[in-house]
Amino acid sequence: MPLSVEDQLAIQQLYARYNHAIDSGNGAAWAACFTPDGRFSSATGNFQGREQLEAFGNAFATRMKARHWTNNLVLEGEGDNAAGSCYLMLLRLAPGEQPPASILVTAIYRDELVRTAEGWKFASRTVVGDS
């Protein structure tokens, strides 16, 4: 059976919680968006498991103030598994400067999602940069 509307909305909320957590430097909340053995891969490296993911999430906000902006979400799946893809624009915030934000990265997220007892989680998230 294809993903229900409720599942699609729950996954959209996962994407939003992920962005809010990483941008605020809340590594525990960011890592909680993944399964316990979840994997995140980007140009900065590969991180797997709650401990590595939480450390990455905590460190992100110390490196820069940023906003993850995602759109054009496409979901496919059925049952307890789904694949997701969306566009990413990472904005570097520079309060007091003109302009106050600039585009740092554009990319596509390629995601594997799993429904768990706690709801939908990322089993794997890969950032595929446009450059």
N, C-alpha and C. Protein backbone atom coordinates (compact mmCIF):
# COMPACT_ATOMS: atom_id res chain seq x y z
N MET A 1 0.84 -1.18 0.00
CA MET A 1 0.00 0.00 0.00
C MET A 1 0.89 1.25 0.00
N PRO A 2 0.64 2.22 -0.86
CA PRO A 2 1.44 3.45 -0.92
C PRO A 2 1.35 4.21 0.41
N LEU A 3 2.25 5.16 0.57
CA LEU A 3 2.26 5.99 1.78
C LEU A 3 0.94 6.73 1.93
N SER A 4 0.39 6.71 3.12
CA SER A 4 -0.85 7.44 3.39
C SER A 4 -0.55 8.93 3.50
N VAL A 5 -1.58 9.73 3.45
CA VAL A 5 -1.44 11.17 3.65
C VAL A 5 -0.85 11.43 5.04
N GLU A 6 -1.29 10.67 6.04
CA GLU A 6 -0.77 10.83 7.40
C GLU A 6 0.73 10.54 7.45
N ASP A 7 1.17 9.49 6.75
CA ASP A 7 2.60 9.18 6.70
C ASP A 7 3.38 10.30 6.01
N GLN A 8 2.84 10.80 4.92
CA GLN A 8 3.52 11.88 4.21
C GLN A 8 3.65 13.12 5.09
N LEU A 9 2.61 13.47 5.83
CA LEU A 9 2.67 14.62 6.74
C LEU A 9 3.67 14.38 7.87
N ALA A 10 3.69 13.18 8.40
CA ALA A 10 4.63 12.85 9.48
C ALA A 10 6.08 12.95 8.98
N ILE A 11 6.33 12.53 7.75
CA ILE A 11 7.67 12.62 7.18
C ILE A 11 8.04 14.09 6.93
N GLN A 12 7.09 14.89 6.47
CA GLN A 12 7.36 16.32 6.29
C GLN A 12 7.74 16.96 7.63
N GLN A 13 7.08 16.57 8.71
CA GLN A 13 7.42 17.09 10.03
C GLN A 13 8.81 16.64 10.46
N LEU A 14 9.20 15.43 10.10
CA LEU A 14 10.57 14.95 10.38
C LEU A 14 11.58 15.85 9.69
N TYR A 15 11.35 16.19 8.43
CA TYR A 15 12.26 17.07 7.69
C TYR A 15 12.36 18.43 8.38
N ALA A 16 11.24 18.96 8.85
CA ALA A 16 11.24 20.26 9.52
C ALA A 16 11.97 20.19 10.86
N ARG A 17 11.71 19.14 11.66
CA ARG A 17 12.41 18.99 12.95
C ARG A 17 13.91 18.87 12.74
N TYR A 18 14.32 18.15 11.72
CA TYR A 18 15.74 18.00 11.37
C TYR A 18 16.36 19.38 11.15
N ASN A 19 15.73 20.21 10.31
CA ASN A 19 16.28 21.53 10.00
C ASN A 19 16.35 22.42 11.23
N HIS A 20 15.29 22.44 12.02
CA HIS A 20 15.29 23.28 13.22
C HIS A 20 16.38 22.83 14.20
N ALA A 21 16.55 21.53 14.36
CA ALA A 21 17.53 21.00 15.31
C ALA A 21 18.96 21.32 14.89
N ILE A 22 19.30 21.08 13.63
CA ILE A 22 20.68 21.33 13.19
C ILE A 22 21.00 22.82 13.22
N ASP A 23 20.05 23.65 12.85
CA ASP A 23 20.30 25.10 12.81
C ASP A 23 20.44 25.69 14.21
N SER A 24 19.82 25.08 15.19
CA SER A 24 19.92 25.59 16.56
C SER A 24 21.05 24.94 17.35
N GLY A 25 21.75 23.99 16.74
CA GLY A 25 22.85 23.32 17.43
C GLY A 25 22.40 22.30 18.44
N ASN A 26 21.18 21.79 18.31
CA ASN A 26 20.66 20.79 19.23
C ASN A 26 20.98 19.40 18.69
N GLY A 27 22.18 18.94 19.00
CA GLY A 27 22.65 17.67 18.47
C GLY A 27 21.80 16.48 18.87
N ALA A 28 21.29 16.48 20.10
CA ALA A 28 20.46 15.36 20.55
C ALA A 28 19.17 15.29 19.74
N ALA A 29 18.53 16.44 19.51
CA ALA A 29 17.30 16.45 18.73
C ALA A 29 17.58 16.09 17.28
N TRP A 30 18.72 16.55 16.74
CA TRP A 30 19.07 16.23 15.36
C TRP A 30 19.32 14.72 15.22
N ALA A 31 20.10 14.16 16.15
CA ALA A 31 20.38 12.71 16.09
C ALA A 31 19.11 11.89 16.26
N ALA A 32 18.14 12.41 17.02
CA ALA A 32 16.88 11.70 17.23
C ALA A 32 16.04 11.61 15.97
N CYS A 33 16.40 12.37 14.94
CA CYS A 33 15.71 12.27 13.65
C CYS A 33 16.14 11.02 12.88
N PHE A 34 17.18 10.35 13.36
CA PHE A 34 17.74 9.16 12.71
C PHE A 34 17.42 7.91 13.53
N THR A 35 17.47 6.76 12.88
CA THR A 35 17.41 5.50 13.60
C THR A 35 18.68 5.38 14.45
N PRO A 36 18.70 4.51 15.47
CA PRO A 36 19.90 4.41 16.31
C PRO A 36 21.19 4.13 15.54
N ASP A 37 21.08 3.42 14.42
CA ASP A 37 22.26 3.13 13.59
C ASP A 37 22.26 3.98 12.32
N GLY A 38 21.51 5.08 12.33
CA GLY A 38 21.37 5.93 11.15
C GLY A 38 22.69 6.49 10.67
N ARG A 39 22.70 6.87 9.38
CA ARG A 39 23.93 7.34 8.73
C ARG A 39 23.67 8.66 8.02
N PHE A 40 24.60 9.60 8.18
CA PHE A 40 24.57 10.88 7.47
C PHE A 40 25.87 11.01 6.70
N SER A 41 25.77 11.32 5.40
CA SER A 41 26.95 11.45 4.54
C SER A 41 26.88 12.77 3.80
N SER A 42 27.99 13.51 3.85
CA SER A 42 28.09 14.78 3.12
C SER A 42 29.56 15.03 2.81
N ALA A 43 29.85 16.18 2.21
CA ALA A 43 31.23 16.53 1.91
C ALA A 43 32.08 16.64 3.17
N THR A 44 31.44 16.86 4.32
CA THR A 44 32.19 16.98 5.58
C THR A 44 32.55 15.63 6.17
N GLY A 45 31.96 14.54 5.68
CA GLY A 45 32.30 13.21 6.18
C GLY A 45 31.10 12.31 6.30
N ASN A 46 31.35 11.15 6.88
CA ASN A 46 30.32 10.15 7.10
C ASN A 46 30.19 9.94 8.61
N PHE A 47 28.95 9.97 9.08
CA PHE A 47 28.69 9.86 10.50
C PHE A 47 27.60 8.82 10.70
N GLN A 48 27.84 7.89 11.63
CA GLN A 48 26.87 6.81 11.84
C GLN A 48 26.68 6.56 13.33
N GLY A 49 25.44 6.32 13.70
CA GLY A 49 25.10 6.03 15.09
C GLY A 49 24.85 7.31 15.88
N ARG A 50 24.08 7.17 16.94
CA ARG A 50 23.65 8.34 17.71
C ARG A 50 24.81 9.18 18.23
N GLU A 51 25.86 8.56 18.72
CA GLU A 51 26.96 9.33 19.31
C GLU A 51 27.63 10.22 18.26
N GLN A 52 27.97 9.68 17.11
CA GLN A 52 28.60 10.47 16.05
C GLN A 52 27.64 11.53 15.51
N LEU A 53 26.38 11.17 15.33
CA LEU A 53 25.41 12.12 14.81
C LEU A 53 25.19 13.28 15.79
N GLU A 54 25.07 12.97 17.07
CA GLU A 54 24.86 14.02 18.06
C GLU A 54 26.06 14.97 18.12
N ALA A 55 27.27 14.42 18.05
CA ALA A 55 28.46 15.27 18.07
C ALA A 55 28.49 16.19 16.85
N PHE A 56 28.16 15.65 15.68
CA PHE A 56 28.11 16.49 14.48
C PHE A 56 27.08 17.60 14.64
N GLY A 57 25.88 17.25 15.13
CA GLY A 57 24.82 18.24 15.30
C GLY A 57 25.19 19.32 16.29
N ASN A 58 25.84 18.96 17.37
CA ASN A 58 26.28 19.96 18.36
C ASN A 58 27.34 20.88 17.79
N ALA A 59 28.24 20.34 16.99
CA ALA A 59 29.36 21.13 16.45
C ALA A 59 28.93 22.06 15.32
N PHE A 60 27.86 21.72 14.62
CA PHE A 60 27.48 22.49 13.44
C PHE A 60 27.29 23.97 13.77
N ALA A 61 26.51 24.27 14.81
CA ALA A 61 26.20 25.66 15.15
C ALA A 61 27.42 26.42 15.65
N THR A 62 28.47 25.71 16.09
CA THR A 62 29.69 26.40 16.51
C THR A 62 30.52 26.83 15.31
N ARG A 63 30.30 26.18 14.17
CA ARG A 63 31.06 26.52 12.95
C ARG A 63 30.45 27.71 12.21
N MET A 64 29.11 27.81 12.25
CA MET A 64 28.45 28.90 11.53
C MET A 64 27.01 29.02 11.98
N LYS A 65 26.45 30.20 11.76
CA LYS A 65 25.01 30.39 11.95
C LYS A 65 24.39 30.22 10.57
N ALA A 66 23.44 29.31 10.48
CA ALA A 66 22.91 28.95 9.16
C ALA A 66 21.44 28.58 9.25
N ARG A 67 20.83 28.52 8.09
CA ARG A 67 19.47 28.02 7.94
C ARG A 67 19.45 27.02 6.79
N HIS A 68 18.95 25.83 7.09
CA HIS A 68 18.71 24.82 6.06
C HIS A 68 17.32 25.07 5.48
N TRP A 69 17.26 25.25 4.19
CA TRP A 69 16.00 25.51 3.51
C TRP A 69 15.78 24.38 2.54
N THR A 70 14.70 23.61 2.74
CA THR A 70 14.42 22.48 1.86
C THR A 70 13.07 22.65 1.21
N ASN A 71 12.97 22.14 -0.03
CA ASN A 71 11.69 22.18 -0.74
C ASN A 71 11.69 21.11 -1.83
N ASN A 72 10.57 21.04 -2.52
CA ASN A 72 10.36 20.07 -3.61
C ASN A 72 10.56 18.64 -3.13
N LEU A 73 9.93 18.33 -2.00
CA LEU A 73 10.01 16.99 -1.42
C LEU A 73 9.23 15.99 -2.26
N VAL A 74 9.89 14.90 -2.59
CA VAL A 74 9.25 13.78 -3.29
C VAL A 74 9.42 12.54 -2.43
N LEU A 75 8.33 11.86 -2.15
CA LEU A 75 8.35 10.65 -1.33
C LEU A 75 7.77 9.48 -2.11
N GLU A 76 8.40 8.33 -1.97
CA GLU A 76 7.89 7.09 -2.55
C GLU A 76 8.09 6.00 -1.52
N GLY A 77 7.15 5.12 -1.44
CA GLY A 77 7.31 4.01 -0.51
C GLY A 77 6.00 3.35 -0.19
N GLU A 78 6.10 2.36 0.64
CA GLU A 78 4.92 1.67 1.12
C GLU A 78 5.27 0.97 2.42
N GLY A 79 4.26 0.73 3.21
CA GLY A 79 4.49 0.06 4.48
C GLY A 79 5.37 0.90 5.39
N ASP A 80 6.42 0.28 5.91
CA ASP A 80 7.30 0.93 6.89
C ASP A 80 8.58 1.48 6.29
N ASN A 81 8.67 1.54 4.96
CA ASN A 81 9.88 2.03 4.30
C ASN A 81 9.53 3.06 3.24
N ALA A 82 10.40 4.04 3.11
CA ALA A 82 10.17 5.07 2.10
C ALA A 82 11.51 5.63 1.63
N ALA A 83 11.49 6.21 0.45
CA ALA A 83 12.63 6.95 -0.07
C ALA A 83 12.17 8.38 -0.25
N GLY A 84 13.03 9.31 0.12
CA GLY A 84 12.71 10.72 -0.02
C GLY A 84 13.82 11.46 -0.73
N SER A 85 13.45 12.53 -1.39
CA SER A 85 14.42 13.40 -2.05
C SER A 85 13.88 14.82 -2.00
N CYS A 86 14.76 15.77 -1.73
CA CYS A 86 14.35 17.17 -1.75
C CYS A 86 15.56 18.04 -2.05
N TYR A 87 15.28 19.27 -2.45
CA TYR A 87 16.34 20.24 -2.70
C TYR A 87 16.75 20.88 -1.38
N LEU A 88 18.03 21.19 -1.26
CA LEU A 88 18.58 21.88 -0.10
C LEU A 88 19.25 23.16 -0.55
N MET A 89 18.95 24.24 0.15
CA MET A 89 19.71 25.48 0.02
C MET A 89 20.16 25.83 1.44
N LEU A 90 21.46 25.87 1.64
CA LEU A 90 22.02 26.20 2.94
C LEU A 90 22.41 27.67 2.93
N LEU A 91 21.74 28.44 3.80
CA LEU A 91 22.00 29.87 3.89
C LEU A 91 22.95 30.15 5.04
N ARG A 92 24.01 30.90 4.78
CA ARG A 92 24.91 31.36 5.83
C ARG A 92 24.38 32.69 6.32
N LEU A 93 24.08 32.77 7.60
CA LEU A 93 23.52 33.99 8.18
C LEU A 93 24.65 34.89 8.67
N ALA A 94 24.52 36.16 8.38
CA ALA A 94 25.52 37.15 8.79
C ALA A 94 24.79 38.40 9.29
N PRO A 95 24.18 38.31 10.48
CA PRO A 95 23.44 39.46 10.99
C PRO A 95 24.33 40.71 11.04
N GLY A 96 23.75 41.83 10.63
CA GLY A 96 24.49 43.09 10.63
C GLY A 96 25.22 43.35 9.34
N GLU A 97 25.39 42.33 8.51
CA GLU A 97 26.04 42.51 7.21
C GLU A 97 24.98 42.74 6.15
N GLN A 98 25.42 43.20 4.99
CA GLN A 98 24.52 43.36 3.85
C GLN A 98 25.08 42.55 2.69
N PRO A 99 24.38 41.59 2.17
CA PRO A 99 23.08 41.13 2.64
C PRO A 99 23.23 40.32 3.93
N PRO A 100 22.14 40.14 4.68
CA PRO A 100 22.22 39.43 5.96
C PRO A 100 22.34 37.92 5.82
N ALA A 101 22.20 37.41 4.61
CA ALA A 101 22.34 35.98 4.37
C ALA A 101 22.86 35.77 2.96
N SER A 102 23.59 34.66 2.77
CA SER A 102 24.07 34.31 1.44
C SER A 102 23.96 32.80 1.26
N ILE A 103 23.82 32.39 0.01
CA ILE A 103 23.72 30.96 -0.29
C ILE A 103 25.11 30.36 -0.19
N LEU A 104 25.25 29.38 0.70
CA LEU A 104 26.52 28.71 0.90
C LEU A 104 26.61 27.43 0.06
N VAL A 105 25.50 26.69 0.01
CA VAL A 105 25.47 25.40 -0.68
C VAL A 105 24.09 25.18 -1.27
N THR A 106 24.05 24.57 -2.45
CA THR A 106 22.82 23.98 -2.95
C THR A 106 23.10 22.52 -3.20
N ALA A 107 22.10 21.69 -2.95
CA ALA A 107 22.31 20.24 -3.03
C ALA A 107 20.97 19.54 -3.10
N ILE A 108 21.04 18.23 -3.17
CA ILE A 108 19.86 17.36 -3.10
C ILE A 108 20.10 16.37 -1.97
N TYR A 109 19.11 16.22 -1.11
CA TYR A 109 19.14 15.16 -0.11
C TYR A 109 18.56 13.90 -0.74
N ARG A 110 19.24 12.78 -0.53
CA ARG A 110 18.74 11.45 -0.92
C ARG A 110 18.57 10.67 0.38
N ASP A 111 17.34 10.30 0.68
CA ASP A 111 17.02 9.74 1.99
C ASP A 111 16.39 8.36 1.92
N GLU A 112 16.75 7.53 2.90
CA GLU A 112 16.06 6.27 3.17
C GLU A 112 15.39 6.44 4.52
N LEU A 113 14.08 6.20 4.58
CA LEU A 113 13.30 6.42 5.79
C LEU A 113 12.67 5.12 6.26
N VAL A 114 12.51 5.03 7.59
CA VAL A 114 11.92 3.84 8.20
C VAL A 114 10.92 4.28 9.26
N ARG A 115 9.76 3.62 9.28
CA ARG A 115 8.80 3.87 10.36
C ARG A 115 9.24 3.03 11.56
N THR A 116 9.42 3.69 12.70
CA THR A 116 9.80 3.02 13.93
C THR A 116 8.67 3.18 14.94
N ALA A 117 8.84 2.62 16.13
CA ALA A 117 7.85 2.79 17.19
C ALA A 117 7.72 4.25 17.59
N GLU A 118 8.78 5.05 17.38
CA GLU A 118 8.77 6.48 17.70
C GLU A 118 8.34 7.34 16.51
N GLY A 119 8.00 6.74 15.40
CA GLY A 119 7.60 7.48 14.20
C GLY A 119 8.64 7.32 13.09
N TRP A 120 8.50 8.12 12.05
CA TRP A 120 9.40 8.04 10.91
C TRP A 120 10.76 8.61 11.26
N LYS A 121 11.83 7.92 10.79
CA LYS A 121 13.21 8.33 11.06
C LYS A 121 14.03 8.15 9.78
N PHE A 122 15.14 8.89 9.70
CA PHE A 122 16.09 8.69 8.63
C PHE A 122 16.95 7.47 8.97
N ALA A 123 16.98 6.49 8.07
CA ALA A 123 17.95 5.40 8.20
C ALA A 123 19.25 5.83 7.54
N SER A 124 19.12 6.63 6.49
CA SER A 124 20.28 7.13 5.77
C SER A 124 19.91 8.46 5.12
N ARG A 125 20.84 9.42 5.21
CA ARG A 125 20.65 10.70 4.53
C ARG A 125 21.98 11.05 3.88
N THR A 126 21.94 11.28 2.57
CA THR A 126 23.12 11.63 1.80
C THR A 126 22.91 12.98 1.14
N VAL A 127 23.90 13.87 1.28
CA VAL A 127 23.86 15.17 0.65
C VAL A 127 24.64 15.06 -0.66
N VAL A 128 23.97 15.34 -1.76
CA VAL A 128 24.61 15.31 -3.08
C VAL A 128 24.71 16.76 -3.54
N GLY A 129 25.93 17.33 -3.44
CA GLY A 129 26.14 18.73 -3.78
C GLY A 129 25.96 19.01 -5.26
N ASP A 130 25.58 20.22 -5.57
CA ASP A 130 25.39 20.61 -6.97
C ASP A 130 26.68 21.00 -7.65
N SER A 131 27.72 21.27 -6.88
CA SER A 131 28.97 21.73 -7.53
C SER A 131 29.97 20.62 -7.68
